[in-house]
């Protein structure tokens, strides 16, 4: 009997299939986040505690949300 190739072993092994499905779902959900600077993103940032913001988040919020509101 010939040994199984790596691809055949991955297909047979169910745990790898779960990880592949998890990765695909995670990639899909990651693509659904609001674009930085959009109205939806500004609203999400307003609802998020300020202590959880990164310095990039704060700068983008000031540039995209605060200055836009002033104009």
C-alpha atoms as a PDB file:
ATOM      1  CA  UNK A   1       0.000   0.000   0.000  1.00  0.00           C
ATOM      2  CA  UNK A   2       1.311   3.413  -0.958  1.00  0.00           C
ATOM      3  CA  UNK A   3       1.624   6.051   1.806  1.00  0.00           C
ATOM      4  CA  UNK A   4      -0.798   8.957   1.691  1.00  0.00           C
ATOM      5  CA  UNK A   5       0.381  12.294   0.380  1.00  0.00           C
ATOM      6  CA  UNK A   6       0.289  15.363   2.595  1.00  0.00           C
ATOM      7  CA  UNK A   7      -2.771  16.726   0.799  1.00  0.00           C
ATOM      8  CA  UNK A   8      -4.641  13.436   1.219  1.00  0.00           C
ATOM      9  CA  UNK A   9      -3.805  13.371   4.936  1.00  0.00           C
ATOM     10  CA  UNK A  10      -5.046  16.956   5.364  1.00  0.00           C
ATOM     11  CA  UNK A  11      -8.318  16.152   3.616  1.00  0.00           C
ATOM     12  CA  UNK A  12      -8.879  13.054   5.740  1.00  0.00           C
ATOM     13  CA  UNK A  13      -7.955  14.710   9.042  1.00  0.00           C
ATOM     14  CA  UNK A  14     -11.081  16.539  10.280  1.00  0.00           C
ATOM     15  CA  UNK A  15      -9.211  18.839  12.673  1.00  0.00           C
ATOM     16  CA  UNK A  16      -7.454  20.518   9.746  1.00  0.00           C
ATOM     17  CA  UNK A  17     -10.786  20.989   7.995  1.00  0.00           C
ATOM     18  CA  UNK A  18     -12.119  22.806  11.053  1.00  0.00           C
ATOM     19  CA  UNK A  19      -9.107  25.131  11.084  1.00  0.00           C
ATOM     20  CA  UNK A  20      -9.505  25.856   7.382  1.00  0.00           C
ATOM     21  CA  UNK A  21     -13.196  26.692   7.836  1.00  0.00           C
ATOM     22  CA  UNK A  22     -12.360  28.850  10.866  1.00  0.00           C
ATOM     23  CA  UNK A  23      -9.726  30.749   8.862  1.00  0.00           C
ATOM     24  CA  UNK A  24     -12.089  31.369   5.958  1.00  0.00           C
ATOM     25  CA  UNK A  25     -14.851  32.629   8.279  1.00  0.00           C
ATOM     26  CA  UNK A  26     -12.399  34.853  10.146  1.00  0.00           C
ATOM     27  CA  UNK A  27     -11.100  36.340   6.893  1.00  0.00           C
ATOM     28  CA  UNK A  28     -14.650  36.974   5.717  1.00  0.00           C
ATOM     29  CA  UNK A  29     -15.655  38.710   8.945  1.00  0.00           C
ATOM     30  CA  UNK A  30     -12.490  40.779   8.976  1.00  0.00           C
ATOM     31  CA  UNK A  31     -13.420  42.184   5.589  1.00  0.00           C
ATOM     32  CA  UNK A  32     -16.749  43.435   6.960  1.00  0.00           C
ATOM     33  CA  UNK A  33     -15.366  46.075   9.301  1.00  0.00           C
ATOM     34  CA  UNK A  34     -16.234  49.696   8.671  1.00  0.00           C
ATOM     35  CA  UNK A  35     -13.777  51.792   6.685  1.00  0.00           C
ATOM     36  CA  UNK A  36     -11.734  54.160   8.840  1.00  0.00           C
ATOM     37  CA  UNK A  37     -13.226  57.636   8.667  1.00  0.00           C
ATOM     38  CA  UNK A  38     -16.685  56.554   7.534  1.00  0.00           C
ATOM     39  CA  UNK A  39     -19.774  57.616   9.469  1.00  0.00           C
ATOM     40  CA  UNK A  40     -20.259  54.011  10.632  1.00  0.00           C
ATOM     41  CA  UNK A  41     -16.671  53.847  11.893  1.00  0.00           C
ATOM     42  CA  UNK A  42     -17.063  57.149  13.766  1.00  0.00           C
ATOM     43  CA  UNK A  43     -20.209  55.806  15.419  1.00  0.00           C
ATOM     44  CA  UNK A  44     -18.428  52.580  16.400  1.00  0.00           C
ATOM     45  CA  UNK A  45     -15.566  54.585  17.900  1.00  0.00           C
ATOM     46  CA  UNK A  46     -18.025  56.737  19.875  1.00  0.00           C
ATOM     47  CA  UNK A  47     -19.446  53.556  21.431  1.00  0.00           C
ATOM     48  CA  UNK A  48     -16.021  52.060  22.218  1.00  0.00           C
ATOM     49  CA  UNK A  49     -14.365  53.030  25.544  1.00  0.00           C
ATOM     50  CA  UNK A  50     -11.628  55.629  24.928  1.00  0.00           C
ATOM     51  CA  UNK A  51      -9.144  53.581  26.950  1.00  0.00           C
ATOM     52  CA  UNK A  52      -9.277  50.843  24.310  1.00  0.00           C
ATOM     53  CA  UNK A  53      -8.279  53.159  21.463  1.00  0.00           C
ATOM     54  CA  UNK A  54      -4.806  52.950  19.983  1.00  0.00           C
ATOM     55  CA  UNK A  55      -2.893  56.120  19.184  1.00  0.00           C
ATOM     56  CA  UNK A  56      -3.664  55.520  15.497  1.00  0.00           C
ATOM     57  CA  UNK A  57      -7.376  55.197  16.314  1.00  0.00           C
ATOM     58  CA  UNK A  58      -7.330  58.487  18.219  1.00  0.00           C
ATOM     59  CA  UNK A  59      -5.522  60.309  15.408  1.00  0.00           C
ATOM     60  CA  UNK A  60      -7.860  58.896  12.766  1.00  0.00           C
ATOM     61  CA  UNK A  61     -10.890  59.779  14.891  1.00  0.00           C
ATOM     62  CA  UNK A  62      -9.706  63.358  15.341  1.00  0.00           C
ATOM     63  CA  UNK A  63      -8.928  63.741  11.653  1.00  0.00           C
ATOM     64  CA  UNK A  64     -11.988  61.995  10.256  1.00  0.00           C
ATOM     65  CA  UNK A  65     -14.734  62.541  12.824  1.00  0.00           C
ATOM     66  CA  UNK A  66     -14.000  65.666  14.840  1.00  0.00           C
ATOM     67  CA  UNK A  67     -12.669  67.881  12.062  1.00  0.00           C
ATOM     68  CA  UNK A  68     -15.424  66.687   9.717  1.00  0.00           C
ATOM     69  CA  UNK A  69     -18.039  67.703  12.298  1.00  0.00           C
ATOM     70  CA  UNK A  70     -16.502  71.173  12.638  1.00  0.00           C
ATOM     71  CA  UNK A  71     -16.560  71.860   8.892  1.00  0.00           C
END
